[in-house]
C-alpha cells in the first residue's frame, strides 16, 4: 500500500508552513529509508490501516532517530500521502490531521515518485 518513493511536497508545524529540504522517503514493505542531503534515517514501520485515523509507528533503527518510536497517523489519496506526528520529548499519536499555533504536531505531505 505505501511501497514506493515519496517526495515531500510541503509541511506544516504549529499552524505555520514549514520549508523542507529536498528529501526522499522510500518505503519497501515494513522498512523505510529517509534521505536528506548526506543524512540517512532508517527503520521499520508498523502500520494499522484499520484504525481511525490510520495509524503508523515509525521505529528508527539507524541514523538520527535510532532507538526512537514515533507514533503517527496517515492517510492516502491516490498518489498523495499525508503523515501527522508529534515532535516532543514524549510524543503521542495525534487524533486528527492538522496543526495549530503552539502545537508540536508536524504534518508532511508527500507525492509518490514515478
N, C-alpha and C. Protein backbone atom coordinates (compact mmCIF):
# COMPACT_ATOMS: atom_id res chain seq x y z
N UNK A 1 0.81 -1.19 0.00
CA UNK A 1 0.00 0.00 0.00
C UNK A 1 0.86 1.26 0.00
N UNK A 2 1.85 1.34 0.91
CA UNK A 2 2.69 2.52 0.98
C UNK A 2 4.01 2.38 0.24
N UNK A 3 4.27 1.20 -0.33
CA UNK A 3 5.54 0.98 -1.02
C UNK A 3 5.78 2.02 -2.10
N UNK A 4 7.02 2.48 -2.18
CA UNK A 4 7.40 3.42 -3.23
C UNK A 4 8.33 4.49 -2.69
N UNK A 5 8.64 5.43 -3.56
CA UNK A 5 9.47 6.57 -3.19
C UNK A 5 8.57 7.79 -3.11
N UNK A 6 8.61 8.45 -1.97
CA UNK A 6 7.75 9.59 -1.69
C UNK A 6 8.61 10.85 -1.58
N UNK A 7 8.16 11.90 -2.25
CA UNK A 7 8.88 13.18 -2.26
C UNK A 7 8.04 14.21 -1.50
N UNK A 8 8.61 14.86 -0.49
CA UNK A 8 7.85 15.85 0.28
C UNK A 8 7.39 17.00 -0.62
N UNK A 9 6.14 17.39 -0.43
CA UNK A 9 5.55 18.49 -1.19
C UNK A 9 5.33 19.72 -0.33
N UNK A 10 5.27 19.52 0.97
CA UNK A 10 5.06 20.64 1.88
C UNK A 10 4.90 20.13 3.29
N UNK A 11 5.01 21.04 4.25
CA UNK A 11 4.87 20.67 5.65
C UNK A 11 4.31 21.84 6.43
N UNK A 12 3.77 21.49 7.59
CA UNK A 12 3.19 22.48 8.48
C UNK A 12 3.57 22.10 9.91
N UNK A 13 3.95 23.09 10.70
CA UNK A 13 4.28 22.86 12.10
C UNK A 13 3.72 24.00 12.93
N UNK A 14 2.99 23.68 13.97
CA UNK A 14 2.44 24.72 14.84
C UNK A 14 1.59 25.73 14.11
N UNK A 15 0.86 25.27 13.09
CA UNK A 15 -0.02 26.16 12.34
C UNK A 15 0.67 26.99 11.26
N UNK A 16 1.97 26.78 11.07
CA UNK A 16 2.74 27.56 10.09
C UNK A 16 3.32 26.64 9.02
N UNK A 17 3.37 27.16 7.80
CA UNK A 17 4.04 26.44 6.71
C UNK A 17 5.52 26.32 7.07
N UNK A 18 6.10 25.16 6.74
CA UNK A 18 7.49 24.89 7.09
C UNK A 18 8.26 24.53 5.83
N UNK A 19 9.35 25.24 5.52
CA UNK A 19 10.14 24.86 4.34
C UNK A 19 10.86 23.54 4.59
N UNK A 20 10.95 22.73 3.56
CA UNK A 20 11.60 21.42 3.68
C UNK A 20 12.78 21.34 2.73
N UNK A 21 13.88 20.72 3.17
CA UNK A 21 14.99 20.48 2.24
C UNK A 21 14.60 19.36 1.29
N UNK A 22 15.25 19.26 0.14
CA UNK A 22 14.98 18.13 -0.75
C UNK A 22 15.23 16.81 -0.01
N UNK A 23 14.30 15.87 -0.16
CA UNK A 23 14.41 14.60 0.54
C UNK A 23 13.68 13.51 -0.23
N UNK A 24 13.94 12.27 0.18
CA UNK A 24 13.24 11.09 -0.37
C UNK A 24 12.87 10.19 0.80
N UNK A 25 11.64 9.72 0.80
CA UNK A 25 11.13 8.80 1.82
C UNK A 25 10.79 7.52 1.07
N UNK A 26 11.62 6.49 1.23
CA UNK A 26 11.48 5.25 0.48
C UNK A 26 10.90 4.18 1.43
N UNK A 27 9.79 3.58 1.00
CA UNK A 27 9.15 2.53 1.79
C UNK A 27 9.16 1.25 0.97
N UNK A 28 9.65 0.17 1.57
CA UNK A 28 9.66 -1.15 0.93
C UNK A 28 9.19 -2.15 1.98
N UNK A 29 7.94 -2.57 1.88
CA UNK A 29 7.37 -3.46 2.89
C UNK A 29 7.30 -2.74 4.21
N UNK A 30 7.89 -3.32 5.23
CA UNK A 30 7.87 -2.71 6.55
C UNK A 30 9.11 -1.86 6.82
N UNK A 31 10.01 -1.72 5.86
CA UNK A 31 11.24 -0.95 6.03
C UNK A 31 11.10 0.43 5.40
N UNK A 32 11.80 1.40 5.98
CA UNK A 32 11.83 2.74 5.39
C UNK A 32 13.25 3.30 5.44
N UNK A 33 13.51 4.21 4.52
CA UNK A 33 14.75 4.99 4.50
C UNK A 33 14.37 6.42 4.14
N UNK A 34 14.86 7.38 4.90
CA UNK A 34 14.69 8.79 4.57
C UNK A 34 16.08 9.33 4.27
N UNK A 35 16.22 9.93 3.08
CA UNK A 35 17.49 10.53 2.67
C UNK A 35 17.27 12.03 2.48
N UNK A 36 18.07 12.81 3.23
CA UNK A 36 18.04 14.27 3.13
C UNK A 36 19.47 14.73 3.02
N UNK A 37 19.89 15.14 1.84
CA UNK A 37 21.29 15.52 1.66
C UNK A 37 22.18 14.33 1.98
N UNK A 38 23.12 14.52 2.90
CA UNK A 38 24.03 13.44 3.31
C UNK A 38 23.48 12.62 4.47
N UNK A 39 22.37 13.07 5.06
CA UNK A 39 21.80 12.36 6.22
C UNK A 39 20.91 11.21 5.75
N UNK A 40 20.92 10.14 6.54
CA UNK A 40 20.13 8.95 6.21
C UNK A 40 19.52 8.41 7.51
N UNK A 41 18.22 8.20 7.49
CA UNK A 41 17.49 7.66 8.62
C UNK A 41 16.82 6.37 8.16
N UNK A 42 16.95 5.29 8.93
CA UNK A 42 16.39 4.00 8.53
C UNK A 42 15.59 3.40 9.67
N UNK A 43 14.65 2.54 9.30
CA UNK A 43 13.90 1.87 10.35
C UNK A 43 12.79 0.99 9.82
N UNK A 44 11.84 0.75 10.71
CA UNK A 44 10.72 -0.15 10.45
C UNK A 44 9.42 0.62 10.66
N UNK A 45 8.41 0.29 9.86
CA UNK A 45 7.09 0.86 10.00
C UNK A 45 6.13 -0.20 10.50
N UNK A 46 5.34 0.15 11.51
CA UNK A 46 4.25 -0.71 11.98
C UNK A 46 2.96 0.01 11.64
N UNK A 47 2.19 -0.58 10.75
CA UNK A 47 1.01 0.07 10.19
C UNK A 47 -0.26 -0.59 10.69
N UNK A 48 -1.24 0.23 11.09
CA UNK A 48 -2.57 -0.24 11.45
C UNK A 48 -3.57 0.56 10.60
N UNK A 49 -3.80 0.06 9.38
CA UNK A 49 -4.69 0.75 8.45
C UNK A 49 -6.15 0.65 8.89
N UNK A 50 -6.48 -0.27 9.79
CA UNK A 50 -7.86 -0.43 10.25
C UNK A 50 -8.23 0.61 11.31
N UNK A 51 -7.23 1.25 11.92
CA UNK A 51 -7.50 2.27 12.94
C UNK A 51 -8.13 3.49 12.27
N UNK A 52 -8.80 4.32 13.06
CA UNK A 52 -9.40 5.55 12.54
C UNK A 52 -8.90 6.71 13.40
N UNK A 53 -8.09 7.62 12.84
CA UNK A 53 -7.46 7.53 11.53
C UNK A 53 -6.39 6.43 11.50
N UNK A 54 -5.99 6.06 10.28
CA UNK A 54 -4.97 5.01 10.10
C UNK A 54 -3.72 5.39 10.89
N UNK A 55 -3.16 4.41 11.59
CA UNK A 55 -2.02 4.66 12.48
C UNK A 55 -0.75 4.03 11.91
N UNK A 56 0.36 4.66 12.23
CA UNK A 56 1.66 4.15 11.82
C UNK A 56 2.67 4.49 12.92
N UNK A 57 3.51 3.53 13.27
CA UNK A 57 4.62 3.78 14.18
C UNK A 57 5.89 3.75 13.36
N UNK A 58 6.69 4.80 13.49
CA UNK A 58 7.96 4.92 12.79
C UNK A 58 9.04 4.57 13.81
N UNK A 59 9.70 3.44 13.62
CA UNK A 59 10.66 2.92 14.59
C UNK A 59 12.06 3.03 13.98
N UNK A 60 12.84 3.97 14.48
CA UNK A 60 14.18 4.20 13.94
C UNK A 60 15.16 3.13 14.38
N UNK A 61 15.95 2.62 13.42
CA UNK A 61 16.97 1.62 13.74
C UNK A 61 18.38 2.13 13.44
N UNK A 62 18.52 3.14 12.59
CA UNK A 62 19.83 3.71 12.25
C UNK A 62 19.64 5.17 11.89
N UNK A 63 20.62 5.99 12.20
CA UNK A 63 20.54 7.41 11.89
C UNK A 63 20.03 8.22 13.07
N UNK A 64 19.57 9.45 12.82
CA UNK A 64 19.22 10.36 13.91
C UNK A 64 18.04 9.89 14.76
N UNK A 65 17.19 9.01 14.25
CA UNK A 65 16.05 8.53 15.02
C UNK A 65 16.24 7.12 15.57
N UNK A 66 17.46 6.60 15.54
CA UNK A 66 17.73 5.25 16.06
C UNK A 66 17.30 5.17 17.51
N UNK A 67 16.55 4.11 17.82
CA UNK A 67 16.08 3.91 19.18
C UNK A 67 14.80 4.63 19.53
N UNK A 68 14.26 5.42 18.61
CA UNK A 68 13.03 6.18 18.87
C UNK A 68 11.85 5.52 18.16
N UNK A 69 10.69 5.62 18.77
CA UNK A 69 9.43 5.23 18.13
C UNK A 69 8.56 6.47 18.06
N UNK A 70 8.15 6.81 16.84
CA UNK A 70 7.34 7.99 16.62
C UNK A 70 5.94 7.55 16.20
N UNK A 71 4.93 7.70 17.08
CA UNK A 71 3.57 7.35 16.72
C UNK A 71 2.97 8.44 15.82
N UNK A 72 2.31 8.02 14.76
CA UNK A 72 1.77 8.98 13.80
C UNK A 72 0.45 8.48 13.25
N UNK A 73 -0.21 9.33 12.48
CA UNK A 73 -1.38 8.95 11.71
C UNK A 73 -1.07 9.25 10.25
N UNK A 74 -1.78 8.55 9.34
CA UNK A 74 -1.55 8.79 7.92
C UNK A 74 -2.84 8.62 7.14
N UNK A 75 -2.84 9.22 5.96
CA UNK A 75 -3.92 8.99 5.00
C UNK A 75 -3.35 9.10 3.61
N UNK A 76 -3.96 8.32 2.73
CA UNK A 76 -3.56 8.32 1.32
C UNK A 76 -4.75 8.74 0.48
N UNK A 77 -4.45 9.49 -0.54
CA UNK A 77 -5.44 9.88 -1.55
C UNK A 77 -4.73 9.78 -2.89
N UNK A 78 -4.98 8.65 -3.58
CA UNK A 78 -4.29 8.42 -4.85
C UNK A 78 -2.80 8.32 -4.62
N UNK A 79 -2.05 9.19 -5.26
CA UNK A 79 -0.59 9.19 -5.15
C UNK A 79 -0.09 10.18 -4.11
N UNK A 80 -0.97 10.63 -3.24
CA UNK A 80 -0.60 11.56 -2.17
C UNK A 80 -0.64 10.85 -0.82
N UNK A 81 0.33 11.13 0.02
CA UNK A 81 0.42 10.57 1.36
C UNK A 81 0.60 11.72 2.33
N UNK A 82 -0.16 11.69 3.41
CA UNK A 82 -0.05 12.71 4.44
C UNK A 82 0.26 12.01 5.76
N UNK A 83 1.31 12.46 6.43
CA UNK A 83 1.71 11.95 7.74
C UNK A 83 1.61 13.08 8.76
N UNK A 84 1.09 12.75 9.93
CA UNK A 84 1.00 13.75 11.00
C UNK A 84 1.52 13.11 12.28
N UNK A 85 2.47 13.76 12.94
CA UNK A 85 3.03 13.24 14.17
C UNK A 85 3.47 14.37 15.07
N UNK A 86 3.72 14.02 16.32
CA UNK A 86 4.13 15.00 17.31
C UNK A 86 5.65 14.93 17.47
N UNK A 87 6.27 16.09 17.58
CA UNK A 87 7.73 16.15 17.75
C UNK A 87 8.06 16.71 19.13
N UNK A 88 7.68 15.97 20.15
CA UNK A 88 8.00 16.36 21.52
C UNK A 88 8.91 15.30 22.13
N UNK A 89 9.37 15.55 23.34
CA UNK A 89 10.22 14.57 24.02
C UNK A 89 9.47 13.28 24.33
N UNK A 90 8.16 13.38 24.52
CA UNK A 90 7.32 12.20 24.78
C UNK A 90 6.15 12.23 23.80
N UNK A 91 6.43 11.90 22.54
CA UNK A 91 5.37 12.02 21.52
C UNK A 91 4.20 11.08 21.77
N UNK A 92 3.01 11.57 21.44
CA UNK A 92 1.81 10.75 21.46
C UNK A 92 1.15 10.86 20.10
N UNK A 93 0.37 9.88 19.76
CA UNK A 93 -0.25 9.83 18.44
C UNK A 93 -1.30 10.93 18.31
N UNK A 94 -1.23 11.73 17.24
CA UNK A 94 -2.29 12.72 17.01
C UNK A 94 -3.63 12.02 16.80
N UNK A 95 -4.70 12.74 17.06
CA UNK A 95 -6.04 12.18 16.84
C UNK A 95 -6.69 12.76 15.59
N UNK A 96 -6.09 13.83 15.04
CA UNK A 96 -6.64 14.46 13.83
C UNK A 96 -5.50 15.07 13.02
N UNK A 97 -5.75 15.27 11.73
CA UNK A 97 -4.77 15.88 10.84
C UNK A 97 -4.81 17.39 11.00
N UNK A 98 -3.64 18.00 10.93
CA UNK A 98 -3.54 19.44 11.01
C UNK A 98 -2.67 19.84 12.18
N UNK A 99 -2.30 21.09 12.20
CA UNK A 99 -1.51 21.64 13.29
C UNK A 99 -2.18 22.94 13.71
N UNK A 100 -1.93 23.34 14.92
CA UNK A 100 -2.49 24.58 15.44
C UNK A 100 -1.37 25.41 16.03
N UNK A 101 -1.53 26.72 16.07
CA UNK A 101 -0.49 27.55 16.69
C UNK A 101 -0.18 27.05 18.10
N UNK A 102 1.10 26.93 18.40
CA UNK A 102 1.54 26.47 19.70
C UNK A 102 1.62 24.96 19.85
N UNK A 103 1.11 24.22 18.86
CA UNK A 103 1.18 22.76 18.95
C UNK A 103 2.58 22.28 18.58
N UNK A 104 2.86 21.02 18.88
CA UNK A 104 4.13 20.42 18.50
C UNK A 104 3.89 19.31 17.47
N UNK A 105 2.80 19.44 16.72
CA UNK A 105 2.50 18.48 15.67
C UNK A 105 3.10 18.94 14.35
N UNK A 106 3.62 17.97 13.62
CA UNK A 106 4.20 18.19 12.30
C UNK A 106 3.38 17.39 11.30
N UNK A 107 2.97 18.02 10.23
CA UNK A 107 2.24 17.35 9.17
C UNK A 107 3.02 17.53 7.87
N UNK A 108 3.32 16.41 7.21
CA UNK A 108 4.08 16.44 5.96
C UNK A 108 3.25 15.80 4.86
N UNK A 109 3.23 16.45 3.70
CA UNK A 109 2.53 15.94 2.53
C UNK A 109 3.55 15.45 1.51
N UNK A 110 3.32 14.23 1.00
CA UNK A 110 4.23 13.60 0.04
C UNK A 110 3.47 13.25 -1.23
N UNK A 111 4.21 13.20 -2.34
CA UNK A 111 3.68 12.69 -3.61
C UNK A 111 4.57 11.52 -4.01
N UNK A 112 3.91 10.42 -4.45
CA UNK A 112 4.67 9.25 -4.88
C UNK A 112 5.42 9.58 -6.17
N UNK A 113 6.70 9.24 -6.19
CA UNK A 113 7.55 9.49 -7.36
C UNK A 113 7.27 8.44 -8.42
N UNK A 114 7.26 8.91 -9.64
CA UNK A 114 7.27 8.00 -10.74
C UNK A 114 6.07 7.55 -11.39
